[in-house]
Amino acid sequence: MTTANRLKWQPVAIALGVLAVATIHVGTFMIVPDGRLGMFGYVVVGAAFLVGVVLVVGSLEMKVPRRWSFWCAHALALAILAGVFCFYFFGGSLIDLLHYRTSLVLALTGGQDELHSWAAEILAQPREPAEYEGAPCYVDRQHWSRQVRWLRPSKVTIMPMFKDGQEGVVLDYDVPHEITVIVIGPPGAVPPEDSGSAYMWLRFGDGLYFWSS
């Protein structure tokens, strides 16, 4: 390939580099759902995306023959960058990534029924009275099921999360400056009516929700 041809397709290489950074970010979160690492990944992907856009647009000034391949390369590069942008803007938030990962883990480790059975067993166990109303009760790691270990929360607690003060098991993912958790309750459990607009509940299944604030 001549130097001119390499220059023509350089924008595609740049866009594929941005796509690779985004893929590494998503793949890393699928393996290690660490909230802090995930947020750092968003900063890296955002920076890579902005640099990619500047380089691709700037490459329109390259002094190479403006043939169909030149315009095809730039159209393809911009399409790749637009795809990365649309994924993160419309379906790639941290809670979305957590939703995708949870779906995959549950599908591979026994499904929602097994998770509900474990949560029901945890909720039924006797425990020390809470220091104050609404205080969380921590679940020791030794009581986590194999499925919960695969879900890899930073901590597990029991709190009154549902309507009428009904308790749920909370899997916390330690996201900086916000709360992002999976809440597991008995079948039929629903969010409180006064949860307010500051909180987002995303139903995953019967009595199973993602909750963030």
N, C-alpha and C. Protein backbone atom coordinates (compact mmCIF):
# COMPACT_ATOMS: atom_id res chain seq x y z
N MET A 1 0.85 -1.20 0.00
CA MET A 1 0.00 0.00 0.00
C MET A 1 0.88 1.24 0.00
N THR A 2 0.59 2.16 -0.91
CA THR A 2 1.37 3.38 -1.01
C THR A 2 1.12 4.29 0.18
N THR A 3 2.02 5.29 0.33
CA THR A 3 1.86 6.24 1.42
C THR A 3 0.54 7.00 1.30
N ALA A 4 0.16 7.37 0.07
CA ALA A 4 -1.09 8.09 -0.14
C ALA A 4 -2.29 7.25 0.29
N ASN A 5 -2.27 5.97 -0.05
CA ASN A 5 -3.38 5.10 0.34
C ASN A 5 -3.43 4.92 1.85
N ARG A 6 -2.27 4.81 2.49
CA ARG A 6 -2.25 4.70 3.95
C ARG A 6 -2.85 5.94 4.60
N LEU A 7 -2.51 7.09 4.07
CA LEU A 7 -3.06 8.34 4.61
C LEU A 7 -4.57 8.41 4.43
N LYS A 8 -5.07 7.89 3.30
CA LYS A 8 -6.51 7.92 3.06
C LYS A 8 -7.27 7.15 4.11
N TRP A 9 -6.70 6.00 4.51
CA TRP A 9 -7.41 5.12 5.45
C TRP A 9 -7.00 5.37 6.90
N GLN A 10 -6.16 6.37 7.12
CA GLN A 10 -5.75 6.69 8.49
C GLN A 10 -6.92 7.05 9.39
N PRO A 11 -7.93 7.81 8.91
CA PRO A 11 -9.08 8.11 9.78
C PRO A 11 -9.78 6.86 10.30
N VAL A 12 -9.85 5.81 9.47
CA VAL A 12 -10.49 4.57 9.92
C VAL A 12 -9.67 3.95 11.05
N ALA A 13 -8.35 3.99 10.92
CA ALA A 13 -7.49 3.45 11.98
C ALA A 13 -7.69 4.21 13.28
N ILE A 14 -7.83 5.54 13.17
CA ILE A 14 -8.07 6.35 14.36
C ILE A 14 -9.39 5.97 15.02
N ALA A 15 -10.45 5.86 14.21
CA ALA A 15 -11.77 5.52 14.75
C ALA A 15 -11.77 4.13 15.36
N LEU A 16 -11.07 3.19 14.72
CA LEU A 16 -10.98 1.83 15.28
C LEU A 16 -10.22 1.84 16.61
N GLY A 17 -9.26 2.75 16.73
CA GLY A 17 -8.55 2.88 18.01
C GLY A 17 -9.49 3.34 19.11
N VAL A 18 -10.36 4.32 18.79
CA VAL A 18 -11.35 4.78 19.77
C VAL A 18 -12.31 3.64 20.12
N LEU A 19 -12.74 2.88 19.11
CA LEU A 19 -13.62 1.74 19.35
C LEU A 19 -12.95 0.70 20.24
N ALA A 20 -11.65 0.49 20.03
CA ALA A 20 -10.91 -0.47 20.85
C ALA A 20 -10.86 -0.02 22.31
N VAL A 21 -10.65 1.28 22.54
CA VAL A 21 -10.63 1.80 23.91
C VAL A 21 -11.99 1.60 24.57
N ALA A 22 -13.08 1.88 23.83
CA ALA A 22 -14.42 1.69 24.37
C ALA A 22 -14.70 0.21 24.66
N THR A 23 -14.23 -0.66 23.76
CA THR A 23 -14.44 -2.10 23.95
C THR A 23 -13.69 -2.61 25.18
N ILE A 24 -12.47 -2.11 25.37
CA ILE A 24 -11.69 -2.51 26.55
C ILE A 24 -12.39 -2.04 27.83
N HIS A 25 -12.94 -0.82 27.79
CA HIS A 25 -13.66 -0.30 28.95
C HIS A 25 -14.84 -1.18 29.31
N VAL A 26 -15.67 -1.48 28.30
CA VAL A 26 -16.85 -2.31 28.55
C VAL A 26 -16.44 -3.72 28.98
N GLY A 27 -15.46 -4.30 28.29
CA GLY A 27 -15.01 -5.64 28.63
C GLY A 27 -14.44 -5.73 30.03
N THR A 28 -13.68 -4.71 30.43
CA THR A 28 -13.11 -4.69 31.78
C THR A 28 -14.21 -4.63 32.83
N PHE A 29 -15.24 -3.81 32.57
CA PHE A 29 -16.34 -3.71 33.54
C PHE A 29 -17.13 -5.01 33.60
N MET A 30 -17.24 -5.73 32.48
CA MET A 30 -17.94 -7.01 32.49
C MET A 30 -17.20 -8.03 33.37
N ILE A 31 -15.88 -7.89 33.44
CA ILE A 31 -15.09 -8.82 34.25
C ILE A 31 -14.99 -8.33 35.69
N VAL A 32 -14.69 -7.05 35.86
CA VAL A 32 -14.52 -6.47 37.21
C VAL A 32 -15.46 -5.28 37.32
N PRO A 33 -16.67 -5.46 37.87
CA PRO A 33 -17.64 -4.36 37.94
C PRO A 33 -17.34 -3.38 39.07
N ASP A 34 -16.18 -2.78 39.00
CA ASP A 34 -15.77 -1.81 40.02
C ASP A 34 -16.24 -0.42 39.59
N GLY A 35 -17.02 0.25 40.42
CA GLY A 35 -17.58 1.53 40.07
C GLY A 35 -16.53 2.60 39.80
N ARG A 36 -15.49 2.64 40.62
CA ARG A 36 -14.44 3.65 40.44
C ARG A 36 -13.68 3.41 39.15
N LEU A 37 -13.36 2.15 38.89
CA LEU A 37 -12.67 1.81 37.64
C LEU A 37 -13.56 2.13 36.44
N GLY A 38 -14.86 1.86 36.58
CA GLY A 38 -15.80 2.15 35.51
C GLY A 38 -15.87 3.63 35.21
N MET A 39 -15.91 4.47 36.24
CA MET A 39 -15.98 5.91 36.04
C MET A 39 -14.69 6.43 35.41
N PHE A 40 -13.56 5.89 35.82
CA PHE A 40 -12.29 6.28 35.21
C PHE A 40 -12.29 5.91 33.73
N GLY A 41 -12.89 4.76 33.40
CA GLY A 41 -12.97 4.33 32.01
C GLY A 41 -13.77 5.30 31.17
N TYR A 42 -14.84 5.87 31.74
CA TYR A 42 -15.63 6.85 31.00
C TYR A 42 -14.78 8.08 30.64
N VAL A 43 -13.93 8.50 31.56
CA VAL A 43 -13.06 9.65 31.30
C VAL A 43 -12.09 9.33 30.15
N VAL A 44 -11.52 8.12 30.19
CA VAL A 44 -10.57 7.72 29.15
C VAL A 44 -11.27 7.62 27.79
N VAL A 45 -12.44 6.98 27.77
CA VAL A 45 -13.17 6.84 26.50
C VAL A 45 -13.59 8.22 25.98
N GLY A 46 -14.07 9.09 26.87
CA GLY A 46 -14.46 10.42 26.45
C GLY A 46 -13.31 11.20 25.84
N ALA A 47 -12.13 11.11 26.47
CA ALA A 47 -10.95 11.80 25.95
C ALA A 47 -10.55 11.22 24.60
N ALA A 48 -10.56 9.88 24.49
CA ALA A 48 -10.20 9.23 23.24
C ALA A 48 -11.18 9.62 22.13
N PHE A 49 -12.46 9.71 22.48
CA PHE A 49 -13.47 10.08 21.48
C PHE A 49 -13.24 11.50 20.97
N LEU A 50 -13.00 12.43 21.86
CA LEU A 50 -12.78 13.82 21.44
C LEU A 50 -11.53 13.95 20.58
N VAL A 51 -10.46 13.28 20.99
CA VAL A 51 -9.23 13.31 20.19
C VAL A 51 -9.48 12.68 18.82
N GLY A 52 -10.23 11.57 18.82
CA GLY A 52 -10.53 10.90 17.55
C GLY A 52 -11.31 11.79 16.60
N VAL A 53 -12.31 12.48 17.12
CA VAL A 53 -13.12 13.37 16.28
C VAL A 53 -12.25 14.48 15.69
N VAL A 54 -11.40 15.08 16.53
CA VAL A 54 -10.53 16.16 16.06
C VAL A 54 -9.59 15.65 14.97
N LEU A 55 -9.00 14.47 15.18
CA LEU A 55 -8.06 13.94 14.20
C LEU A 55 -8.74 13.56 12.89
N VAL A 56 -9.92 12.96 13.00
CA VAL A 56 -10.63 12.55 11.78
C VAL A 56 -11.09 13.77 10.98
N VAL A 57 -11.66 14.75 11.67
CA VAL A 57 -12.08 15.97 10.96
C VAL A 57 -10.86 16.71 10.41
N GLY A 58 -9.80 16.76 11.19
CA GLY A 58 -8.58 17.43 10.73
C GLY A 58 -7.96 16.75 9.53
N SER A 59 -8.15 15.43 9.42
CA SER A 59 -7.57 14.70 8.29
C SER A 59 -8.22 15.04 6.96
N LEU A 60 -9.33 15.76 6.99
CA LEU A 60 -9.95 16.22 5.74
C LEU A 60 -9.03 17.19 4.99
N GLU A 61 -8.06 17.73 5.71
CA GLU A 61 -7.12 18.67 5.09
C GLU A 61 -5.90 17.98 4.51
N MET A 62 -5.86 16.64 4.57
CA MET A 62 -4.70 15.94 4.03
C MET A 62 -4.55 16.21 2.54
N LYS A 63 -3.31 16.36 2.12
CA LYS A 63 -3.04 16.63 0.71
C LYS A 63 -2.87 15.31 -0.03
N VAL A 64 -4.00 14.65 -0.26
CA VAL A 64 -4.05 13.40 -1.02
C VAL A 64 -5.18 13.52 -2.03
N PRO A 65 -5.15 12.70 -3.08
CA PRO A 65 -6.21 12.77 -4.08
C PRO A 65 -7.59 12.53 -3.45
N ARG A 66 -8.56 13.38 -3.76
CA ARG A 66 -9.90 13.26 -3.18
C ARG A 66 -10.75 12.32 -4.03
N ARG A 67 -10.40 11.04 -4.01
CA ARG A 67 -11.16 10.05 -4.75
C ARG A 67 -12.21 9.44 -3.84
N TRP A 68 -13.01 8.50 -4.39
CA TRP A 68 -14.10 7.90 -3.62
C TRP A 68 -13.59 7.22 -2.36
N SER A 69 -12.39 6.62 -2.44
CA SER A 69 -11.85 5.93 -1.27
C SER A 69 -11.57 6.90 -0.12
N PHE A 70 -11.16 8.12 -0.45
CA PHE A 70 -10.91 9.15 0.56
C PHE A 70 -12.20 9.45 1.33
N TRP A 71 -13.29 9.69 0.58
CA TRP A 71 -14.56 10.02 1.22
C TRP A 71 -15.15 8.81 1.93
N CYS A 72 -14.97 7.61 1.36
CA CYS A 72 -15.46 6.39 2.03
C CYS A 72 -14.76 6.18 3.37
N ALA A 73 -13.44 6.43 3.38
CA ALA A 73 -12.68 6.25 4.62
C ALA A 73 -13.18 7.19 5.70
N HIS A 74 -13.42 8.43 5.34
CA HIS A 74 -13.90 9.39 6.33
C HIS A 74 -15.33 9.10 6.76
N ALA A 75 -16.16 8.67 5.82
CA ALA A 75 -17.54 8.32 6.18
C ALA A 75 -17.55 7.13 7.13
N LEU A 76 -16.70 6.13 6.86
CA LEU A 76 -16.64 4.96 7.74
C LEU A 76 -16.11 5.35 9.11
N ALA A 77 -15.08 6.18 9.15
CA ALA A 77 -14.51 6.61 10.43
C ALA A 77 -15.55 7.36 11.26
N LEU A 78 -16.26 8.28 10.63
CA LEU A 78 -17.29 9.04 11.35
C LEU A 78 -18.44 8.14 11.80
N ALA A 79 -18.76 7.12 10.99
CA ALA A 79 -19.82 6.18 11.38
C ALA A 79 -19.41 5.38 12.62
N ILE A 80 -18.14 4.98 12.68
CA ILE A 80 -17.64 4.25 13.86
C ILE A 80 -17.69 5.14 15.09
N LEU A 81 -17.23 6.38 14.95
CA LEU A 81 -17.25 7.31 16.08
C LEU A 81 -18.69 7.60 16.52
N ALA A 82 -19.60 7.74 15.54
CA ALA A 82 -21.00 7.98 15.88
C ALA A 82 -21.58 6.77 16.62
N GLY A 83 -21.17 5.57 16.23
CA GLY A 83 -21.65 4.38 16.93
C GLY A 83 -21.19 4.34 18.37
N VAL A 84 -19.93 4.70 18.61
CA VAL A 84 -19.42 4.77 19.99
C VAL A 84 -20.19 5.80 20.80
N PHE A 85 -20.41 6.96 20.20
CA PHE A 85 -21.15 8.03 20.89
C PHE A 85 -22.57 7.58 21.22
N CYS A 86 -23.26 6.99 20.25
CA CYS A 86 -24.66 6.57 20.47
C CYS A 86 -24.75 5.50 21.54
N PHE A 87 -23.79 4.57 21.56
CA PHE A 87 -23.83 3.52 22.59
C PHE A 87 -23.74 4.12 23.97
N TYR A 88 -22.77 5.01 24.18
CA TYR A 88 -22.58 5.57 25.51
C TYR A 88 -23.68 6.56 25.88
N PHE A 89 -24.21 7.28 24.89
CA PHE A 89 -25.23 8.28 25.18
C PHE A 89 -26.60 7.66 25.42
N PHE A 90 -26.91 6.60 24.68
CA PHE A 90 -28.25 6.03 24.74
C PHE A 90 -28.34 4.70 25.53
N GLY A 91 -27.23 4.02 25.74
CA GLY A 91 -27.35 2.74 26.44
C GLY A 91 -26.08 2.25 27.09
N GLY A 92 -25.15 3.15 27.37
CA GLY A 92 -23.88 2.73 27.93
C GLY A 92 -23.55 3.38 29.25
N SER A 93 -24.58 3.83 30.00
CA SER A 93 -24.31 4.38 31.33
C SER A 93 -23.84 3.26 32.25
N LEU A 94 -23.33 3.65 33.40
CA LEU A 94 -22.81 2.65 34.33
C LEU A 94 -23.90 1.67 34.75
N ILE A 95 -25.12 2.17 34.98
CA ILE A 95 -26.19 1.27 35.38
C ILE A 95 -26.60 0.37 34.22
N ASP A 96 -26.47 0.87 32.97
CA ASP A 96 -26.75 0.02 31.81
C ASP A 96 -25.73 -1.11 31.72
N LEU A 97 -24.45 -0.77 31.90
CA LEU A 97 -23.41 -1.80 31.86
C LEU A 97 -23.64 -2.82 32.96
N LEU A 98 -24.04 -2.34 34.14
CA LEU A 98 -24.33 -3.25 35.24
C LEU A 98 -25.51 -4.15 34.90
N HIS A 99 -26.50 -3.58 34.22
CA HIS A 99 -27.67 -4.36 33.78
C HIS A 99 -27.24 -5.47 32.82
N TYR A 100 -26.41 -5.13 31.83
CA TYR A 100 -25.93 -6.13 30.87
C TYR A 100 -25.15 -7.23 31.59
N ARG A 101 -24.27 -6.81 32.50
CA ARG A 101 -23.44 -7.80 33.18
C ARG A 101 -24.27 -8.72 34.07
N THR A 102 -25.22 -8.13 34.79
CA THR A 102 -26.08 -8.93 35.66
C THR A 102 -26.88 -9.94 34.86
N SER A 103 -27.40 -9.52 33.72
CA SER A 103 -28.16 -10.43 32.86
C SER A 103 -27.29 -11.61 32.45
N LEU A 104 -26.05 -11.32 32.07
CA LEU A 104 -25.15 -12.38 31.63
C LEU A 104 -24.80 -13.32 32.77
N VAL A 105 -24.47 -12.75 33.93
CA VAL A 105 -24.08 -13.59 35.08
C VAL A 105 -25.25 -14.47 35.52
N LEU A 106 -26.45 -13.90 35.61
CA LEU A 106 -27.60 -14.70 36.03
C LEU A 106 -27.91 -15.80 35.03
N ALA A 107 -27.74 -15.51 33.74
CA ALA A 107 -28.00 -16.52 32.73
C ALA A 107 -27.02 -17.68 32.83
N LEU A 108 -25.80 -17.40 33.30
CA LEU A 108 -24.77 -18.44 33.37
C LEU A 108 -24.70 -19.15 34.72
N THR A 109 -25.41 -18.62 35.74
CA THR A 109 -25.23 -19.17 37.09
C THR A 109 -26.52 -19.60 37.78
N GLY A 110 -27.58 -19.82 37.04
CA GLY A 110 -28.78 -20.35 37.68
C GLY A 110 -30.01 -19.48 37.60
N GLY A 111 -29.88 -18.24 37.12
CA GLY A 111 -31.05 -17.41 36.91
C GLY A 111 -31.53 -16.68 38.14
N GLN A 112 -32.63 -15.93 37.95
CA GLN A 112 -33.18 -15.11 39.03
C GLN A 112 -33.76 -15.94 40.17
N ASP A 113 -34.28 -17.11 39.86
CA ASP A 113 -34.87 -17.94 40.92
C ASP A 113 -33.84 -18.28 41.99
N GLU A 114 -32.63 -18.60 41.55
CA GLU A 114 -31.58 -18.94 42.52
C GLU A 114 -31.21 -17.73 43.36
N LEU A 115 -31.17 -16.56 42.72
CA LEU A 115 -30.85 -15.34 43.46
C LEU A 115 -31.93 -15.02 44.48
N HIS A 116 -33.19 -15.18 44.09
CA HIS A 116 -34.31 -14.94 45.01
C HIS A 116 -34.29 -15.93 46.17
N SER A 117 -33.96 -17.18 45.90
CA SER A 117 -33.90 -18.19 46.96
C SER A 117 -32.85 -17.84 47.99
N TRP A 118 -31.68 -17.39 47.50
CA TRP A 118 -30.61 -16.99 48.42
C TRP A 118 -31.05 -15.78 49.24
N ALA A 119 -31.65 -14.78 48.58
CA ALA A 119 -32.08 -13.57 49.30
C ALA A 119 -33.13 -13.90 50.35
N ALA A 120 -34.07 -14.78 50.00
CA ALA A 120 -35.11 -15.16 50.96
C ALA A 120 -34.50 -15.85 52.18
N GLU A 121 -33.48 -16.66 51.95
CA GLU A 121 -32.80 -17.34 53.05
C GLU A 121 -32.08 -16.33 53.94
N ILE A 122 -31.43 -15.34 53.33
CA ILE A 122 -30.72 -14.31 54.10
C ILE A 122 -31.70 -13.48 54.91
N LEU A 123 -32.82 -13.09 54.29
CA LEU A 123 -33.81 -12.26 54.98
C LEU A 123 -34.47 -13.01 56.14
N ALA A 124 -34.53 -14.33 56.05
CA ALA A 124 -35.20 -15.12 57.08
C ALA A 124 -34.30 -15.40 58.29
N GLN A 125 -33.00 -15.17 58.14
CA GLN A 125 -32.08 -15.47 59.23
C GLN A 125 -32.22 -14.43 60.35
N PRO A 126 -32.10 -14.87 61.62
CA PRO A 126 -32.14 -13.91 62.74
C PRO A 126 -30.90 -13.03 62.72
N ARG A 127 -31.03 -11.80 63.16
CA ARG A 127 -29.90 -10.87 63.18
C ARG A 127 -30.06 -9.89 64.33
N GLU A 128 -28.97 -9.21 64.62
CA GLU A 128 -28.95 -8.24 65.71
C GLU A 128 -29.89 -7.07 65.40
N PRO A 129 -30.54 -6.52 66.41
CA PRO A 129 -31.39 -5.33 66.18
C PRO A 129 -30.56 -4.18 65.62
N ALA A 130 -31.13 -3.42 64.71
CA ALA A 130 -30.43 -2.28 64.12
C ALA A 130 -30.21 -1.19 65.16
N GLU A 131 -29.11 -0.44 65.03
CA GLU A 131 -28.80 0.63 65.97
C GLU A 131 -29.86 1.73 65.91
N TYR A 132 -30.40 1.95 64.72
CA TYR A 132 -31.44 2.96 64.55
C TYR A 132 -32.32 2.53 63.38
N GLU A 133 -33.49 3.11 63.29
CA GLU A 133 -34.44 2.73 62.24
C GLU A 133 -33.87 3.01 60.86
N GLY A 134 -33.91 2.00 60.00
CA GLY A 134 -33.39 2.14 58.64
C GLY A 134 -31.92 1.86 58.50
N ALA A 135 -31.23 1.51 59.60
CA ALA A 135 -29.80 1.23 59.53
C ALA A 135 -29.56 -0.07 58.76
N PRO A 136 -28.50 -0.12 57.95
CA PRO A 136 -28.23 -1.35 57.19
C PRO A 136 -27.67 -2.44 58.09
N CYS A 137 -27.96 -3.66 57.71
CA CYS A 137 -27.39 -4.84 58.38
C CYS A 137 -26.46 -5.52 57.37
N TYR A 138 -25.19 -5.61 57.69
CA TYR A 138 -24.21 -6.12 56.74
C TYR A 138 -24.22 -7.65 56.71
N VAL A 139 -24.11 -8.19 55.51
CA VAL A 139 -24.07 -9.64 55.31
C VAL A 139 -22.62 -10.03 55.07
N ASP A 140 -22.07 -10.87 55.94
CA ASP A 140 -20.68 -11.30 55.82
C ASP A 140 -20.45 -12.02 54.49
N ARG A 141 -19.26 -11.84 53.95
CA ARG A 141 -18.93 -12.45 52.67
C ARG A 141 -19.07 -13.97 52.71
N GLN A 142 -18.87 -14.57 53.87
CA GLN A 142 -18.97 -16.03 53.97
C GLN A 142 -20.40 -16.52 53.73
N HIS A 143 -21.37 -15.62 53.80
CA HIS A 143 -22.76 -15.98 53.56
C HIS A 143 -23.21 -15.67 52.13
N TRP A 144 -22.29 -15.13 51.33
CA TRP A 144 -22.64 -14.86 49.94
C TRP A 144 -22.71 -16.18 49.16
N SER A 145 -23.69 -16.30 48.31
CA SER A 145 -23.78 -17.50 47.47
C SER A 145 -22.75 -17.42 46.34
N ARG A 146 -22.56 -18.55 45.66
CA ARG A 146 -21.64 -18.57 44.51
C ARG A 146 -22.09 -17.56 43.46
N GLN A 147 -23.39 -17.46 43.26
CA GLN A 147 -23.93 -16.54 42.26
C GLN A 147 -23.63 -15.09 42.64
N VAL A 148 -23.79 -14.75 43.91
CA VAL A 148 -23.51 -13.39 44.37
C VAL A 148 -22.02 -13.08 44.24
N ARG A 149 -21.18 -14.06 44.50
CA ARG A 149 -19.74 -13.84 44.33
C ARG A 149 -19.40 -13.53 42.88
N TRP A 150 -20.11 -14.16 41.96
CA TRP A 150 -19.91 -13.87 40.53
C TRP A 150 -20.42 -12.48 40.19
N LEU A 151 -21.46 -12.02 40.88
CA LEU A 151 -21.97 -10.67 40.65
C LEU A 151 -20.99 -9.61 41.16
N ARG A 152 -20.16 -9.97 42.13
CA ARG A 152 -19.04 -9.19 42.62
C ARG A 152 -19.42 -7.79 43.12
N PRO A 153 -20.37 -7.71 44.06
CA PRO A 153 -20.63 -6.39 44.69
C PRO A 153 -19.50 -6.05 45.64
N SER A 154 -19.40 -4.77 46.00
CA SER A 154 -18.39 -4.37 46.98
C SER A 154 -18.82 -4.73 48.39
N LYS A 155 -20.13 -4.71 48.64
CA LYS A 155 -20.67 -5.14 49.93
C LYS A 155 -22.13 -5.52 49.75
N VAL A 156 -22.65 -6.27 50.72
CA VAL A 156 -24.05 -6.71 50.71
C VAL A 156 -24.67 -6.33 52.04
N THR A 157 -25.82 -5.69 51.99
CA THR A 157 -26.52 -5.28 53.21
C THR A 157 -28.00 -5.65 53.11
N ILE A 158 -28.67 -5.54 54.25
CA ILE A 158 -30.13 -5.70 54.31
C ILE A 158 -30.70 -4.37 54.79
N MET A 159 -31.65 -3.83 54.02
CA MET A 159 -32.24 -2.54 54.37
C MET A 159 -33.72 -2.53 53.99
N PRO A 160 -34.52 -1.69 54.66
CA PRO A 160 -35.92 -1.52 54.24
C PRO A 160 -35.97 -0.66 52.97
N MET A 161 -36.10 -1.31 51.83
CA MET A 161 -35.99 -0.62 50.55
C MET A 161 -37.32 -0.51 49.81
N PHE A 162 -38.27 -1.38 50.14
CA PHE A 162 -39.49 -1.46 49.34
C PHE A 162 -40.67 -0.79 50.04
N LYS A 163 -41.78 -0.82 49.38
CA LYS A 163 -43.01 -0.20 49.88
C LYS A 163 -43.37 -0.76 51.25
N ASP A 164 -43.88 0.12 52.12
CA ASP A 164 -44.29 -0.23 53.48
C ASP A 164 -43.13 -0.74 54.32
N GLY A 165 -41.91 -0.31 53.99
CA GLY A 165 -40.75 -0.68 54.79
C GLY A 165 -40.29 -2.11 54.61
N GLN A 166 -40.72 -2.77 53.55
CA GLN A 166 -40.33 -4.16 53.31
C GLN A 166 -38.83 -4.23 53.02
N GLU A 167 -38.17 -5.18 53.64
CA GLU A 167 -36.72 -5.28 53.52
C GLU A 167 -36.31 -5.94 52.20
N GLY A 168 -35.10 -5.60 51.79
CA GLY A 168 -34.50 -6.21 50.62
C GLY A 168 -33.02 -6.40 50.85
N VAL A 169 -32.41 -7.29 50.06
CA VAL A 169 -30.97 -7.50 50.10
C VAL A 169 -30.35 -6.57 49.05
N VAL A 170 -29.37 -5.79 49.47
CA VAL A 170 -28.80 -4.75 48.61
C VAL A 170 -27.36 -5.11 48.25
N LEU A 171 -27.09 -5.19 46.96
CA LEU A 171 -25.74 -5.44 46.44
C LEU A 171 -25.18 -4.11 45.96
N ASP A 172 -24.17 -3.60 46.66
CA ASP A 172 -23.63 -2.26 46.40
C ASP A 172 -22.40 -2.34 45.49
N TYR A 173 -22.32 -1.38 44.54
CA TYR A 173 -21.20 -1.37 43.59
C TYR A 173 -20.28 -0.17 43.72
N ASP A 174 -20.35 0.58 44.80
CA ASP A 174 -19.34 1.57 45.19
C ASP A 174 -18.96 2.51 44.05
N VAL A 175 -19.96 3.25 43.55
CA VAL A 175 -19.73 4.24 42.50
C VAL A 175 -19.47 5.59 43.15
N PRO A 176 -18.41 6.33 42.74
CA PRO A 176 -18.13 7.63 43.36
C PRO A 176 -19.28 8.62 43.18
N HIS A 177 -19.61 9.31 44.26
CA HIS A 177 -20.58 10.40 44.27
C HIS A 177 -22.01 9.98 43.96
N GLU A 178 -22.31 8.72 43.96
CA GLU A 178 -23.69 8.28 43.77
C GLU A 178 -23.87 6.87 44.33
N ILE A 179 -25.10 6.44 44.38
CA ILE A 179 -25.42 5.08 44.85
C ILE A 179 -25.90 4.27 43.67
N THR A 180 -25.28 3.13 43.45
CA THR A 180 -25.71 2.22 42.39
C THR A 180 -25.75 0.82 42.97
N VAL A 181 -26.94 0.26 43.07
CA VAL A 181 -27.09 -1.03 43.74
C VAL A 181 -28.08 -1.92 42.99
N ILE A 182 -28.02 -3.21 43.31
CA ILE A 182 -29.05 -4.17 42.92
C ILE A 182 -29.83 -4.49 44.19
N VAL A 183 -31.14 -4.40 44.12
CA VAL A 183 -31.99 -4.66 45.29
C VAL A 183 -32.82 -5.91 45.01
N ILE A 184 -32.72 -6.88 45.92
CA ILE A 184 -33.44 -8.15 45.78
C ILE A 184 -34.45 -8.26 46.91
N GLY A 185 -35.72 -8.37 46.56
CA GLY A 185 -36.76 -8.51 47.56
C GLY A 185 -37.62 -9.72 47.28
N PRO A 186 -38.61 -9.96 48.12
CA PRO A 186 -39.54 -11.06 47.90
C PRO A 186 -40.34 -10.83 46.61
N PRO A 187 -40.87 -11.88 46.01
CA PRO A 187 -41.73 -11.69 44.83
C PRO A 187 -42.86 -10.71 45.13
N GLY A 188 -43.10 -9.80 44.21
CA GLY A 188 -44.14 -8.80 44.39
C GLY A 188 -43.68 -7.54 45.06
N ALA A 189 -42.44 -7.49 45.54
CA ALA A 189 -41.94 -6.29 46.20
C ALA A 189 -41.83 -5.16 45.18
N VAL A 190 -42.26 -3.96 45.58
CA VAL A 190 -42.24 -2.80 44.67
C VAL A 190 -41.60 -1.61 45.38
N PRO A 191 -41.07 -0.66 44.62
CA PRO A 191 -40.45 0.53 45.24
C PRO A 191 -41.46 1.32 46.05
N PRO A 192 -41.00 2.09 47.02
CA PRO A 192 -41.92 2.93 47.80
C PRO A 192 -42.55 4.00 46.93
N GLU A 193 -43.77 4.37 47.25
CA GLU A 193 -44.49 5.35 46.45
C GLU A 193 -43.85 6.73 46.53
N ASP A 194 -43.15 7.02 47.62
CA ASP A 194 -42.55 8.35 47.81
C ASP A 194 -41.06 8.35 47.48
N SER A 195 -40.63 7.46 46.56
CA SER A 195 -39.20 7.35 46.25
C SER A 195 -38.67 8.64 45.63
N GLY A 196 -39.51 9.41 44.95
CA GLY A 196 -39.11 10.73 44.46
C GLY A 196 -38.32 10.67 43.18
N SER A 197 -38.22 11.80 42.52
CA SER A 197 -37.53 11.87 41.23
C SER A 197 -36.02 11.81 41.37
N ALA A 198 -35.50 11.99 42.59
CA ALA A 198 -34.05 11.95 42.78
C ALA A 198 -33.52 10.53 42.73
N TYR A 199 -34.39 9.56 42.74
CA TYR A 199 -33.97 8.17 42.72
C TYR A 199 -34.51 7.49 41.47
N MET A 200 -33.71 6.60 40.92
CA MET A 200 -34.12 5.88 39.73
C MET A 200 -34.22 4.39 40.04
N TRP A 201 -35.39 3.85 39.82
CA TRP A 201 -35.62 2.42 39.97
C TRP A 201 -35.77 1.81 38.57
N LEU A 202 -35.02 0.77 38.30
CA LEU A 202 -35.11 0.06 37.02
C LEU A 202 -35.45 -1.39 37.31
N ARG A 203 -36.65 -1.79 36.91
CA ARG A 203 -37.10 -3.15 37.20
C ARG A 203 -36.37 -4.16 36.32
N PHE A 204 -35.79 -5.16 36.96
CA PHE A 204 -35.08 -6.22 36.26
C PHE A 204 -35.92 -7.50 36.20
N GLY A 205 -36.71 -7.71 37.22
CA GLY A 205 -37.56 -8.88 37.32
C GLY A 205 -38.48 -8.73 38.51
N ASP A 206 -39.27 -9.74 38.81
CA ASP A 206 -40.21 -9.69 39.93
C ASP A 206 -39.43 -9.55 41.24
N GLY A 207 -39.57 -8.39 41.90
CA GLY A 207 -38.87 -8.16 43.16
C GLY A 207 -37.38 -7.90 43.01
N LEU A 208 -36.92 -7.66 41.78
CA LEU A 208 -35.50 -7.45 41.52
C LEU A 208 -35.33 -6.13 40.76
N TYR A 209 -34.56 -5.21 41.35
CA TYR A 209 -34.42 -3.86 40.78
C TYR A 209 -32.99 -3.37 40.82
N PHE A 210 -32.69 -2.47 39.89
CA PHE A 210 -31.51 -1.63 40.00
C PHE A 210 -31.98 -0.31 40.58
N TRP A 211 -31.17 0.26 41.46
CA TRP A 211 -31.54 1.51 42.10
C TRP A 211 -30.33 2.41 42.15
N SER A 212 -30.51 3.67 41.75
CA SER A 212 -29.39 4.61 41.80
C SER A 212 -29.90 5.97 42.22
N SER A 213 -29.02 6.78 42.75
CA SER A 213 -29.38 8.14 43.14
C SER A 213 -28.16 9.05 43.01
